[in-house]
Amino acid sequence: MRIILIRHGDPNYEEDCLTELGHKQAEVAAQRLLEEGIEEIYSSPQGRALQTAEAFSKASGIKDIKVLDFIREIRFGREGELYDNKWNPWNGTDKLIWEGKSLQTDKWREYPLFIENYATEDADKIGIEADKWLSTLGYEREGLYYRCTRKTDEQKTIAVFNHGGASSAFMARVLNQQFPYMCSLLHFAHTAISILRFDKTPGNLTLPIVELMNDSRHLKNVK
């Protein structure tokens, strides 16, 4: 199975929709995605992701967009300080690097940046729910890997339209990396495309192969 993660286009966060530029990006990304043999479309319930998914739905003729509530964008901040940049995990991981702190320790939740931070809660939830969702696709988590429980080795490709933070949390879980490390490593561009491929052989344990990561070359002429 191939899972293609696509970040939404340029957004108006206040209105939770795409800007004029974002719609152009979504249309160009949709044409690029036609090359991938996508059979099913999934999306975050948030408007900017759904509108990006709708552009591909229109281009591909796949009308059904399945909504995945767990892949909505993560929040950051604390109660009364929601979206205060001092709790922003992308900015904050840069500071941790400057201080020489490890971003790959499993004790990252004990760093002041992540204590009582909604980003921690939401990233952990995405990890838990990602495993539940993958099990419905025929991949059961066993320790660090996934057991293919599908009955045939037929290849299948699905698209998941979502968000930068959600993609980082999803990647952290399935690739066995720590969330802060993925935040620092992956600053997803708008409509960036990333592809994970799971072993399709029934019964096999699999660690997903990264076919493509954070590719936005389709946007080089979009203004």
Protein backbone atom coordinates (compact mmCIF):
# COMPACT_ATOMS: atom_id res chain seq x y z
CA MET A 1 0.00 0.00 0.00
CA ARG A 2 1.12 3.51 -0.82
CA ILE A 3 -0.03 6.43 1.33
CA ILE A 4 0.42 9.88 -0.17
CA LEU A 5 0.32 12.77 2.29
CA ILE A 6 -0.43 16.20 0.84
CA ARG A 7 -0.37 19.44 2.78
CA HIS A 8 -3.09 21.96 1.97
CA GLY A 9 -2.50 24.99 -0.27
CA ASP A 10 -1.77 28.53 0.86
CA PRO A 11 -4.38 29.23 3.57
CA ASN A 12 -6.46 31.93 5.12
CA TYR A 13 -6.23 30.53 8.65
CA GLU A 14 -8.85 32.88 10.08
CA GLU A 15 -11.48 31.70 7.58
CA ASP A 16 -10.07 28.17 7.35
CA CYS A 17 -10.04 28.19 3.57
CA LEU A 18 -7.62 28.54 0.69
CA THR A 19 -6.48 31.88 -0.63
CA GLU A 20 -6.56 32.63 -4.35
CA LEU A 21 -2.94 31.45 -4.48
CA GLY A 22 -3.89 28.34 -2.50
CA HIS A 23 -6.55 27.39 -5.05
CA LYS A 24 -4.00 27.74 -7.85
CA GLN A 25 -1.55 25.56 -5.91
CA ALA A 26 -4.25 22.94 -5.29
CA GLU A 27 -5.12 22.77 -8.98
CA VAL A 28 -1.49 22.33 -10.02
CA ALA A 29 -0.92 19.74 -7.29
CA ALA A 30 -4.01 17.85 -8.48
CA GLN A 31 -2.56 17.52 -11.97
CA ARG A 32 0.73 16.27 -10.50
CA LEU A 33 -1.11 13.72 -8.36
CA LEU A 34 -2.85 12.22 -11.39
CA GLU A 35 0.48 10.50 -12.08
CA GLU A 36 0.27 8.42 -8.89
CA GLY A 37 -2.66 6.08 -9.59
CA ILE A 38 -4.61 7.20 -6.53
CA GLU A 39 -7.74 5.16 -5.86
CA GLU A 40 -9.16 6.73 -2.70
CA ILE A 41 -9.18 10.22 -1.20
CA TYR A 42 -9.04 11.00 2.52
CA SER A 43 -8.96 14.44 4.10
CA SER A 44 -8.79 16.32 7.35
CA PRO A 45 -12.17 17.88 8.18
CA GLN A 46 -10.70 21.37 8.11
CA GLY A 47 -11.66 23.63 5.23
CA ARG A 48 -8.22 24.32 3.80
CA ALA A 49 -7.44 20.60 3.53
CA LEU A 50 -10.89 19.73 2.17
CA GLN A 51 -10.65 22.40 -0.53
CA THR A 52 -7.26 21.04 -1.57
CA ALA A 53 -8.74 17.53 -1.68
CA GLU A 54 -11.71 18.79 -3.72
CA ALA A 55 -9.36 20.09 -6.42
CA PHE A 56 -7.95 16.59 -6.83
CA SER A 57 -11.41 15.04 -6.62
CA LYS A 58 -12.51 17.21 -9.54
CA ALA A 59 -9.38 16.46 -11.58
CA SER A 60 -9.45 12.72 -10.95
CA GLY A 61 -13.18 12.07 -11.04
CA ILE A 62 -13.01 10.37 -7.62
CA LYS A 63 -16.07 11.90 -5.98
CA ASP A 64 -15.93 10.31 -2.53
CA ILE A 65 -13.75 12.18 -0.04
CA LYS A 66 -13.50 10.26 3.23
CA VAL A 67 -13.00 12.53 6.24
CA LEU A 68 -10.42 11.52 8.87
CA ASP A 69 -11.06 13.59 11.98
CA PHE A 70 -7.79 12.59 13.66
CA ILE A 71 -5.60 14.10 10.93
CA ARG A 72 -6.75 17.66 11.62
CA GLU A 73 -4.00 20.18 12.36
CA ILE A 74 -2.36 20.11 15.77
CA ARG A 75 -2.79 23.04 18.13
CA PHE A 76 0.02 24.59 20.12
CA GLY A 77 0.06 26.57 23.34
CA ARG A 78 -1.53 26.20 26.74
CA GLU A 79 -4.90 27.14 28.18
CA GLY A 80 -5.25 30.89 27.73
CA GLU A 81 -2.16 31.00 25.49
CA LEU A 82 -3.38 29.14 22.42
CA TYR A 83 -1.17 29.81 19.38
CA ASP A 84 1.23 31.94 21.38
CA ASN A 85 4.49 31.59 19.44
CA LYS A 86 6.52 30.84 22.57
CA TRP A 87 4.85 27.40 22.49
CA ASN A 88 5.31 26.90 18.75
CA PRO A 89 7.06 23.52 18.34
CA TRP A 90 8.73 24.52 15.04
CA ASN A 91 10.32 27.65 16.48
CA GLY A 92 10.92 25.94 19.79
CA THR A 93 12.86 23.01 18.35
CA ASP A 94 15.29 25.47 16.79
CA LYS A 95 15.98 26.83 20.28
CA LEU A 96 16.48 23.30 21.61
CA ILE A 97 19.07 22.69 18.90
CA TRP A 98 20.89 25.92 19.80
CA GLU A 99 21.01 24.66 23.40
CA GLY A 100 22.44 21.32 22.25
CA LYS A 101 19.38 19.35 23.41
CA SER A 102 18.49 16.07 21.74
CA LEU A 103 15.37 16.08 19.56
CA GLN A 104 15.37 12.29 19.40
CA THR A 105 15.11 11.49 23.09
CA ASP A 106 11.91 9.74 24.13
CA LYS A 107 11.86 12.13 27.09
CA TRP A 108 11.07 15.14 24.89
CA ARG A 109 7.69 15.56 26.62
CA GLU A 110 9.64 16.64 29.72
CA TYR A 111 11.16 19.64 27.96
CA PRO A 112 9.49 22.89 29.14
CA LEU A 113 8.39 23.62 25.56
CA PHE A 114 6.19 20.52 25.50
CA ILE A 115 4.89 20.31 29.08
CA GLU A 116 1.12 20.98 29.03
CA ASN A 117 1.47 22.06 25.40
CA TYR A 118 -1.57 21.17 23.28
CA ALA A 119 0.91 20.19 20.53
CA THR A 120 2.07 17.28 22.69
CA GLU A 121 -1.49 16.10 23.35
CA ASP A 122 -2.50 16.38 19.71
CA ALA A 123 0.66 14.76 18.31
CA ASP A 124 0.24 11.80 20.67
CA LYS A 125 -3.41 11.47 19.65
CA ILE A 126 -2.50 11.41 15.98
CA GLY A 127 0.00 8.62 16.67
CA ILE A 128 -2.60 6.51 18.47
CA GLU A 129 -5.33 7.14 15.90
CA ALA A 130 -2.95 6.59 12.97
CA ASP A 131 -2.35 3.03 14.16
CA LYS A 132 -6.09 2.42 14.49
CA TRP A 133 -6.68 3.75 10.98
CA LEU A 134 -3.83 1.71 9.48
CA SER A 135 -5.33 -1.41 11.02
CA THR A 136 -8.51 -0.79 8.99
CA LEU A 137 -6.32 -0.71 5.87
CA GLY A 138 -4.72 -4.04 6.74
CA TYR A 139 -1.62 -3.02 8.72
CA GLU A 140 -1.52 -3.96 12.41
CA ARG A 141 1.11 -2.38 14.65
CA GLU A 142 3.52 -4.90 16.23
CA GLY A 143 6.20 -3.20 18.30
CA LEU A 144 8.13 -0.95 15.92
CA TYR A 145 6.62 -2.35 12.74
CA TYR A 146 3.36 -3.16 10.96
CA ARG A 147 2.05 -6.61 10.06
CA CYS A 148 0.33 -6.78 6.67
CA THR A 149 -2.99 -8.51 7.39
CA ARG A 150 -4.41 -8.00 3.91
CA LYS A 151 -5.51 -11.13 2.04
CA THR A 152 -3.94 -10.25 -1.31
CA ASP A 153 -0.80 -8.46 -2.47
CA GLU A 154 -2.73 -6.09 -4.71
CA GLN A 155 -1.10 -2.66 -4.62
CA LYS A 156 -3.31 0.22 -3.55
CA THR A 157 -2.59 3.96 -3.45
CA ILE A 158 -4.51 6.43 -1.31
CA ALA A 159 -4.20 10.17 -0.81
CA VAL A 160 -4.51 11.96 2.53
CA PHE A 161 -4.91 15.74 2.40
CA ASN A 162 -3.94 17.31 5.70
CA HIS A 163 -1.54 19.73 7.43
CA GLY A 164 2.12 20.31 8.20
CA GLY A 165 1.96 19.53 11.91
CA ALA A 166 -0.37 16.57 11.43
CA SER A 167 1.96 15.13 8.79
CA SER A 168 4.93 15.53 11.14
CA ALA A 169 3.07 13.67 13.90
CA PHE A 170 1.92 10.93 11.51
CA MET A 171 5.43 10.48 10.13
CA ALA A 172 6.90 10.40 13.62
CA ARG A 173 4.67 7.49 14.55
CA VAL A 174 4.96 5.29 11.48
CA LEU A 175 8.70 5.91 11.01
CA ASN A 176 9.52 5.50 14.72
CA GLN A 177 10.95 8.99 15.14
CA GLN A 178 10.34 11.58 17.84
CA PHE A 179 7.85 14.36 17.14
CA PRO A 180 10.28 17.29 17.84
CA TYR A 181 12.81 15.77 15.46
CA MET A 182 10.23 15.58 12.68
CA CYS A 183 9.12 19.16 13.37
CA SER A 184 12.70 20.32 12.89
CA LEU A 185 13.39 18.07 9.91
CA LEU A 186 10.19 18.60 7.94
CA HIS A 187 8.86 22.06 7.22
CA PHE A 188 6.20 21.04 4.72
CA ALA A 189 5.62 23.46 1.85
CA HIS A 190 2.06 24.17 0.72
CA THR A 191 0.73 21.20 -1.31
CA ALA A 192 3.99 19.34 -0.65
CA ILE A 193 3.72 15.65 -1.54
CA SER A 194 5.19 12.83 0.56
CA ILE A 195 4.81 9.13 -0.20
CA LEU A 196 5.13 6.13 2.13
CA ARG A 197 5.04 2.57 0.78
CA PHE A 198 4.16 -0.38 3.02
CA ASP A 199 5.07 -3.96 2.07
CA LYS A 200 2.02 -5.41 0.33
CA THR A 201 2.88 -9.07 1.00
CA PRO A 202 0.28 -10.71 3.28
CA GLY A 203 1.80 -11.73 6.62
CA ASN A 204 4.99 -9.67 6.31
CA LEU A 205 6.21 -7.21 8.92
CA THR A 206 6.93 -3.87 7.32
CA LEU A 207 8.56 -0.54 8.03
CA PRO A 208 7.31 1.94 5.43
CA ILE A 209 9.71 2.94 2.69
CA VAL A 210 9.91 6.66 1.97
CA GLU A 211 9.39 7.07 -1.77
CA LEU A 212 9.15 10.85 -1.70
CA MET A 213 9.32 13.53 0.96
CA ASN A 214 8.12 17.14 1.01
CA ASP A 215 8.16 17.53 -2.78
CA SER A 216 6.76 20.83 -4.06
CA ARG A 217 8.49 21.05 -7.43
CA HIS A 218 5.09 21.28 -9.11
CA LEU A 219 4.78 24.81 -7.67
CA LYS A 220 7.87 26.29 -9.35
CA ASN A 221 5.80 28.41 -11.77
CA VAL A 222 2.80 29.11 -9.55
CA LYS A 223 2.37 32.72 -8.44
